[in-house]
Amino acid sequence: MAKARGTNGHVFLFKVLTLDGKTRTLRITAKVKRATRAVPLTLRAEHIEEALSIKGFGNTQSCMMALCAKSSKFPHPVDGYIDWQYRTAFVVSRVSKKTGFPSHCVAYEHNCKYAMHFDRFLTEIESRKVIQGLLMELKKTGPQQVLLRPPIKRKPMRYPKGRMTGERAKIASVGAHRRFAVAHPGL
């Protein structure tokens, strides 16, 4: 799960228009609760068409999968916003009465690759071609099922205890640390 520094939360990004006509990005942190049950979603052609009409390319809250999730039933309250990322989805369960921005959300994991295809190309024209192909496929085969499941609890990485000598530790690198070690072998 994505966490904000120093908090147990997820950062939602909102673009707002200021009084002087400039856009400003607000970083709103919401408390995260892990999901307890899986939720099936049904992606329909209408979700893709709506995302295309509102130009949801590269936007985690208005892409086709976020729109699909908004039209589904969840075992907890859903209060308007869903932040759909490539491996996780954060569903807002409570909005602050003072600010109107998310204050609590529920985290889910998924294996859905549709969002990557939706954001795959830099230009909107190229993305539209890929999405039109997916749209035709959905019209032929029917709606697709996507499963949101509770996040897997992962153990934090352990570091060696004792005095740090500057030598490379004898612990096997995992995930991003391994990629960093491969990308920068001299460090």
C-alpha atoms as a PDB file:
ATOM      1  CA  MET A   1       0.000   0.000   0.000  1.00  0.00           C
ATOM      2  CA  ALA A   2       1.165   3.517  -0.675  1.00  0.00           C
ATOM      3  CA  LYS A   3       1.858   5.472   2.469  1.00  0.00           C
ATOM      4  CA  ALA A   4       2.469   9.116   3.103  1.00  0.00           C
ATOM      5  CA  ARG A   5       5.631   9.884   5.040  1.00  0.00           C
ATOM      6  CA  GLY A   6       5.133   9.621   8.753  1.00  0.00           C
ATOM      7  CA  THR A   7       1.472   8.599   8.528  1.00  0.00           C
ATOM      8  CA  ASN A   8      -0.568   5.480   7.961  1.00  0.00           C
ATOM      9  CA  GLY A   9      -2.393   6.887   4.978  1.00  0.00           C
ATOM     10  CA  HIS A  10      -2.808   7.249   1.255  1.00  0.00           C
ATOM     11  CA  VAL A  11      -2.238  10.569  -0.500  1.00  0.00           C
ATOM     12  CA  PHE A  12      -5.009  11.682  -2.862  1.00  0.00           C
ATOM     13  CA  LEU A  13      -4.038  14.380  -5.372  1.00  0.00           C
ATOM     14  CA  PHE A  14      -6.611  16.988  -6.377  1.00  0.00           C
ATOM     15  CA  LYS A  15      -6.177  19.825  -8.866  1.00  0.00           C
ATOM     16  CA  VAL A  16      -8.083  22.936  -7.819  1.00  0.00           C
ATOM     17  CA  LEU A  17      -8.501  26.285  -9.498  1.00  0.00           C
ATOM     18  CA  THR A  18      -7.355  29.221  -7.358  1.00  0.00           C
ATOM     19  CA  LEU A  19      -8.885  32.708  -7.357  1.00  0.00           C
ATOM     20  CA  ASP A  20      -6.124  34.063  -9.600  1.00  0.00           C
ATOM     21  CA  GLY A  21      -6.940  31.460 -12.283  1.00  0.00           C
ATOM     22  CA  LYS A  22      -4.004  29.109 -11.673  1.00  0.00           C
ATOM     23  CA  THR A  23      -4.331  25.409 -10.945  1.00  0.00           C
ATOM     24  CA  ARG A  24      -2.845  24.070  -7.742  1.00  0.00           C
ATOM     25  CA  THR A  25      -2.359  20.438  -6.694  1.00  0.00           C
ATOM     26  CA  LEU A  26      -3.578  19.571  -3.214  1.00  0.00           C
ATOM     27  CA  ARG A  27      -2.174  16.549  -1.391  1.00  0.00           C
ATOM     28  CA  ILE A  28      -4.865  15.132   0.897  1.00  0.00           C
ATOM     29  CA  THR A  29      -3.927  12.225   3.186  1.00  0.00           C
ATOM     30  CA  ALA A  30      -6.638   9.738   4.142  1.00  0.00           C
ATOM     31  CA  LYS A  31      -6.347   7.035   6.790  1.00  0.00           C
ATOM     32  CA  VAL A  32      -6.112   3.568   5.243  1.00  0.00           C
ATOM     33  CA  LYS A  33      -7.927   0.456   6.383  1.00  0.00           C
ATOM     34  CA  ARG A  34      -7.235  -2.898   4.735  1.00  0.00           C
ATOM     35  CA  ALA A  35     -10.162  -4.582   2.995  1.00  0.00           C
ATOM     36  CA  THR A  36     -11.500  -7.726   4.646  1.00  0.00           C
ATOM     37  CA  ARG A  37     -13.452  -9.278   1.754  1.00  0.00           C
ATOM     38  CA  ALA A  38     -13.003  -9.571  -1.989  1.00  0.00           C
ATOM     39  CA  VAL A  39     -15.243  -7.523  -4.290  1.00  0.00           C
ATOM     40  CA  PRO A  40     -16.010  -8.601  -7.887  1.00  0.00           C
ATOM     41  CA  LEU A  41     -16.248  -5.835 -10.505  1.00  0.00           C
ATOM     42  CA  THR A  42     -17.808  -6.066 -13.956  1.00  0.00           C
ATOM     43  CA  LEU A  43     -16.159  -3.953 -16.657  1.00  0.00           C
ATOM     44  CA  ARG A  44     -18.662  -3.012 -19.354  1.00  0.00           C
ATOM     45  CA  ALA A  45     -18.313  -1.119 -22.611  1.00  0.00           C
ATOM     46  CA  GLU A  46     -20.242   1.819 -21.067  1.00  0.00           C
ATOM     47  CA  HIS A  47     -17.413   2.386 -18.576  1.00  0.00           C
ATOM     48  CA  ILE A  48     -14.879   2.714 -21.389  1.00  0.00           C
ATOM     49  CA  GLU A  49     -17.095   5.034 -23.416  1.00  0.00           C
ATOM     50  CA  GLU A  50     -17.677   7.271 -20.376  1.00  0.00           C
ATOM     51  CA  ALA A  51     -13.944   7.395 -19.598  1.00  0.00           C
ATOM     52  CA  LEU A  52     -13.214   8.336 -23.208  1.00  0.00           C
ATOM     53  CA  SER A  53     -15.826  11.096 -23.139  1.00  0.00           C
ATOM     54  CA  ILE A  54     -14.416  12.705 -19.954  1.00  0.00           C
ATOM     55  CA  LYS A  55     -10.780  12.188 -21.107  1.00  0.00           C
ATOM     56  CA  GLY A  56      -9.731  10.017 -18.166  1.00  0.00           C
ATOM     57  CA  PHE A  57      -6.273   9.231 -19.583  1.00  0.00           C
ATOM     58  CA  GLY A  58      -3.634   9.227 -16.838  1.00  0.00           C
ATOM     59  CA  ASN A  59      -6.188  10.149 -14.173  1.00  0.00           C
ATOM     60  CA  THR A  60      -6.527   7.619 -11.345  1.00  0.00           C
ATOM     61  CA  GLN A  61     -10.001   8.866 -10.413  1.00  0.00           C
ATOM     62  CA  SER A  62     -11.647   9.063 -13.836  1.00  0.00           C
ATOM     63  CA  CYS A  63     -10.121   6.132 -15.739  1.00  0.00           C
ATOM     64  CA  MET A  64     -12.378   3.334 -16.948  1.00  0.00           C
ATOM     65  CA  MET A  65     -11.589   1.053 -13.993  1.00  0.00           C
ATOM     66  CA  ALA A  66     -12.329   3.786 -11.419  1.00  0.00           C
ATOM     67  CA  LEU A  67     -15.672   4.377 -13.136  1.00  0.00           C
ATOM     68  CA  CYS A  68     -16.321   0.628 -13.134  1.00  0.00           C
ATOM     69  CA  ALA A  69     -15.580   0.420  -9.399  1.00  0.00           C
ATOM     70  CA  LYS A  70     -17.860   3.388  -8.662  1.00  0.00           C
ATOM     71  CA  SER A  71     -20.797   1.482 -10.145  1.00  0.00           C
ATOM     72  CA  SER A  72     -20.168  -1.649  -8.022  1.00  0.00           C
ATOM     73  CA  LYS A  73     -21.370  -2.758  -4.583  1.00  0.00           C
ATOM     74  CA  PHE A  74     -18.891  -2.742  -1.695  1.00  0.00           C
ATOM     75  CA  PRO A  75     -19.312  -4.197   1.817  1.00  0.00           C
ATOM     76  CA  HIS A  76     -18.563  -0.755   3.292  1.00  0.00           C
ATOM     77  CA  PRO A  77     -19.781   2.782   2.569  1.00  0.00           C
ATOM     78  CA  VAL A  78     -18.397   4.396  -0.578  1.00  0.00           C
ATOM     79  CA  ASP A  79     -18.225   8.163  -0.585  1.00  0.00           C
ATOM     80  CA  GLY A  80     -17.527   9.303  -4.120  1.00  0.00           C
ATOM     81  CA  TYR A  81     -13.795   8.909  -4.806  1.00  0.00           C
ATOM     82  CA  ILE A  82     -11.872   5.868  -5.965  1.00  0.00           C
ATOM     83  CA  ASP A  83      -8.137   6.129  -6.633  1.00  0.00           C
ATOM     84  CA  TRP A  84      -7.359   3.288  -9.089  1.00  0.00           C
ATOM     85  CA  GLN A  85      -3.665   2.533  -9.445  1.00  0.00           C
ATOM     86  CA  TYR A  86      -1.884  -0.224 -11.382  1.00  0.00           C
ATOM     87  CA  ARG A  87      -1.794  -2.742  -8.481  1.00  0.00           C
ATOM     88  CA  THR A  88      -4.019  -1.194  -5.798  1.00  0.00           C
ATOM     89  CA  ALA A  89      -7.309   0.633  -5.483  1.00  0.00           C
ATOM     90  CA  PHE A  90      -8.222   3.007  -2.657  1.00  0.00           C
ATOM     91  CA  VAL A  91     -11.965   3.369  -2.114  1.00  0.00           C
ATOM     92  CA  VAL A  92     -12.983   6.385  -0.016  1.00  0.00           C
ATOM     93  CA  SER A  93     -15.289   5.368   2.811  1.00  0.00           C
ATOM     94  CA  ARG A  94     -15.589   8.718   4.584  1.00  0.00           C
ATOM     95  CA  VAL A  95     -15.250  12.373   3.586  1.00  0.00           C
ATOM     96  CA  SER A  96     -14.343  15.136   6.022  1.00  0.00           C
ATOM     97  CA  LYS A  97     -17.315  17.349   6.920  1.00  0.00           C
ATOM     98  CA  LYS A  98     -15.016  20.376   7.233  1.00  0.00           C
ATOM     99  CA  THR A  99     -13.119  20.142   3.949  1.00  0.00           C
ATOM    100  CA  GLY A 100     -15.157  17.801   1.737  1.00  0.00           C
ATOM    101  CA  PHE A 101     -11.999  15.832   0.905  1.00  0.00           C
ATOM    102  CA  PRO A 102     -11.405  12.133   1.702  1.00  0.00           C
ATOM    103  CA  SER A 103     -10.493  11.340   5.311  1.00  0.00           C
ATOM    104  CA  HIS A 104     -10.746   7.507   5.374  1.00  0.00           C
ATOM    105  CA  CYS A 105     -10.317   4.876   2.651  1.00  0.00           C
ATOM    106  CA  VAL A 106     -10.195   1.106   2.183  1.00  0.00           C
ATOM    107  CA  ALA A 107      -7.290  -0.502   0.306  1.00  0.00           C
ATOM    108  CA  TYR A 108      -7.664  -3.355  -2.195  1.00  0.00           C
ATOM    109  CA  GLU A 109      -5.227  -5.173  -4.502  1.00  0.00           C
ATOM    110  CA  HIS A 110      -5.936  -6.358  -8.065  1.00  0.00           C
ATOM    111  CA  ASN A 111      -4.305  -7.939 -11.128  1.00  0.00           C
ATOM    112  CA  CYS A 112      -6.155  -5.846 -13.707  1.00  0.00           C
ATOM    113  CA  LYS A 113      -4.003  -4.604 -16.605  1.00  0.00           C
ATOM    114  CA  TYR A 114      -6.706  -2.487 -18.257  1.00  0.00           C
ATOM    115  CA  ALA A 115      -5.574   0.733 -16.562  1.00  0.00           C
ATOM    116  CA  MET A 116      -2.050   0.247 -17.947  1.00  0.00           C
ATOM    117  CA  HIS A 117      -3.486  -0.161 -21.448  1.00  0.00           C
ATOM    118  CA  PHE A 118      -5.622   2.930 -20.923  1.00  0.00           C
ATOM    119  CA  ASP A 119      -2.560   5.031 -19.950  1.00  0.00           C
ATOM    120  CA  ARG A 120      -0.064   3.200 -22.159  1.00  0.00           C
ATOM    121  CA  PHE A 121       0.723   5.836 -24.763  1.00  0.00           C
ATOM    122  CA  LEU A 122       1.705   9.440 -24.334  1.00  0.00           C
ATOM    123  CA  THR A 123      -0.742  10.854 -26.828  1.00  0.00           C
ATOM    124  CA  GLU A 124      -4.488  10.712 -26.517  1.00  0.00           C
ATOM    125  CA  ILE A 125      -4.869   9.672 -30.183  1.00  0.00           C
ATOM    126  CA  GLU A 126      -2.698   6.539 -29.736  1.00  0.00           C
ATOM    127  CA  SER A 127      -4.496   5.684 -26.489  1.00  0.00           C
ATOM    128  CA  ARG A 128      -7.855   6.017 -28.212  1.00  0.00           C
ATOM    129  CA  LYS A 129      -6.789   3.424 -30.825  1.00  0.00           C
ATOM    130  CA  VAL A 130      -5.852   0.889 -28.137  1.00  0.00           C
ATOM    131  CA  ILE A 131      -9.016   1.580 -26.142  1.00  0.00           C
ATOM    132  CA  GLN A 132     -11.193   1.289 -29.254  1.00  0.00           C
ATOM    133  CA  GLY A 133      -9.719  -2.207 -29.734  1.00  0.00           C
ATOM    134  CA  LEU A 134     -10.567  -3.105 -26.129  1.00  0.00           C
ATOM    135  CA  LEU A 135     -14.030  -1.636 -26.580  1.00  0.00           C
ATOM    136  CA  MET A 136     -14.662  -3.804 -29.665  1.00  0.00           C
ATOM    137  CA  GLU A 137     -13.423  -6.870 -27.757  1.00  0.00           C
ATOM    138  CA  LEU A 138     -15.808  -6.141 -24.863  1.00  0.00           C
ATOM    139  CA  LYS A 139     -18.721  -5.719 -27.272  1.00  0.00           C
ATOM    140  CA  LYS A 140     -17.934  -9.113 -28.859  1.00  0.00           C
ATOM    141  CA  THR A 141     -17.157 -11.161 -25.729  1.00  0.00           C
ATOM    142  CA  GLY A 142     -19.298  -9.337 -23.185  1.00  0.00           C
ATOM    143  CA  PRO A 143     -18.389  -7.808 -19.819  1.00  0.00           C
ATOM    144  CA  GLN A 144     -15.078  -8.730 -18.146  1.00  0.00           C
ATOM    145  CA  GLN A 145     -14.750  -9.682 -14.476  1.00  0.00           C
ATOM    146  CA  VAL A 146     -12.091  -8.062 -12.257  1.00  0.00           C
ATOM    147  CA  LEU A 147     -11.568  -9.086  -8.638  1.00  0.00           C
ATOM    148  CA  LEU A 148     -10.556  -6.623  -5.941  1.00  0.00           C
ATOM    149  CA  ARG A 149      -9.086  -8.567  -3.024  1.00  0.00           C
ATOM    150  CA  PRO A 150      -7.752  -7.704   0.424  1.00  0.00           C
ATOM    151  CA  PRO A 151      -4.069  -6.668   0.396  1.00  0.00           C
ATOM    152  CA  ILE A 152      -1.522  -9.274   1.432  1.00  0.00           C
ATOM    153  CA  LYS A 153       0.299  -8.406   4.634  1.00  0.00           C
ATOM    154  CA  ARG A 154       3.988  -8.252   3.859  1.00  0.00           C
ATOM    155  CA  LYS A 155       6.789  -8.498   6.360  1.00  0.00           C
ATOM    156  CA  PRO A 156       8.998  -5.426   6.602  1.00  0.00           C
ATOM    157  CA  MET A 157      12.547  -5.840   5.365  1.00  0.00           C
ATOM    158  CA  ARG A 158      15.049  -6.644   8.107  1.00  0.00           C
ATOM    159  CA  TYR A 159      18.402  -4.925   8.217  1.00  0.00           C
ATOM    160  CA  PRO A 160      21.497  -6.217  10.030  1.00  0.00           C
ATOM    161  CA  LYS A 161      21.975  -5.153  13.634  1.00  0.00           C
ATOM    162  CA  GLY A 162      25.239  -3.862  15.012  1.00  0.00           C
ATOM    163  CA  ARG A 163      27.801  -1.402  13.824  1.00  0.00           C
ATOM    164  CA  MET A 164      27.575  -0.248  10.247  1.00  0.00           C
ATOM    165  CA  THR A 165      30.979  -0.632   8.586  1.00  0.00           C
ATOM    166  CA  GLY A 166      30.040   0.479   5.110  1.00  0.00           C
ATOM    167  CA  GLU A 167      30.495  -3.026   3.693  1.00  0.00           C
ATOM    168  CA  ARG A 168      27.747  -4.608   1.677  1.00  0.00           C
ATOM    169  CA  ALA A 169      25.365  -6.552   3.927  1.00  0.00           C
ATOM    170  CA  LYS A 170      25.063 -10.305   3.503  1.00  0.00           C
ATOM    171  CA  ILE A 171      21.243 -10.124   3.222  1.00  0.00           C
ATOM    172  CA  ALA A 172      19.654 -11.047  -0.099  1.00  0.00           C
ATOM    173  CA  SER A 173      18.116  -8.011  -1.755  1.00  0.00           C
ATOM    174  CA  VAL A 174      14.368  -8.078  -2.385  1.00  0.00           C
ATOM    175  CA  GLY A 175      12.159  -6.222  -4.873  1.00  0.00           C
ATOM    176  CA  ALA A 176      13.128  -2.599  -5.479  1.00  0.00           C
ATOM    177  CA  HIS A 177      16.363  -3.033  -3.521  1.00  0.00           C
ATOM    178  CA  ARG A 178      17.415  -5.784  -5.926  1.00  0.00           C
ATOM    179  CA  ARG A 179      16.604  -3.597  -8.943  1.00  0.00           C
ATOM    180  CA  PHE A 180      18.637  -0.773  -7.423  1.00  0.00           C
ATOM    181  CA  ALA A 181      21.582  -3.123  -6.815  1.00  0.00           C
ATOM    182  CA  VAL A 182      21.428  -4.354 -10.403  1.00  0.00           C
ATOM    183  CA  ALA A 183      21.036  -0.861 -11.838  1.00  0.00           C
ATOM    184  CA  HIS A 184      23.942   0.542  -9.789  1.00  0.00           C
ATOM    185  CA  PRO A 185      26.310  -2.379  -9.155  1.00  0.00           C
ATOM    186  CA  GLY A 186      29.187  -0.225  -7.913  1.00  0.00           C
ATOM    187  CA  LEU A 187      27.271   1.321  -5.000  1.00  0.00           C
END
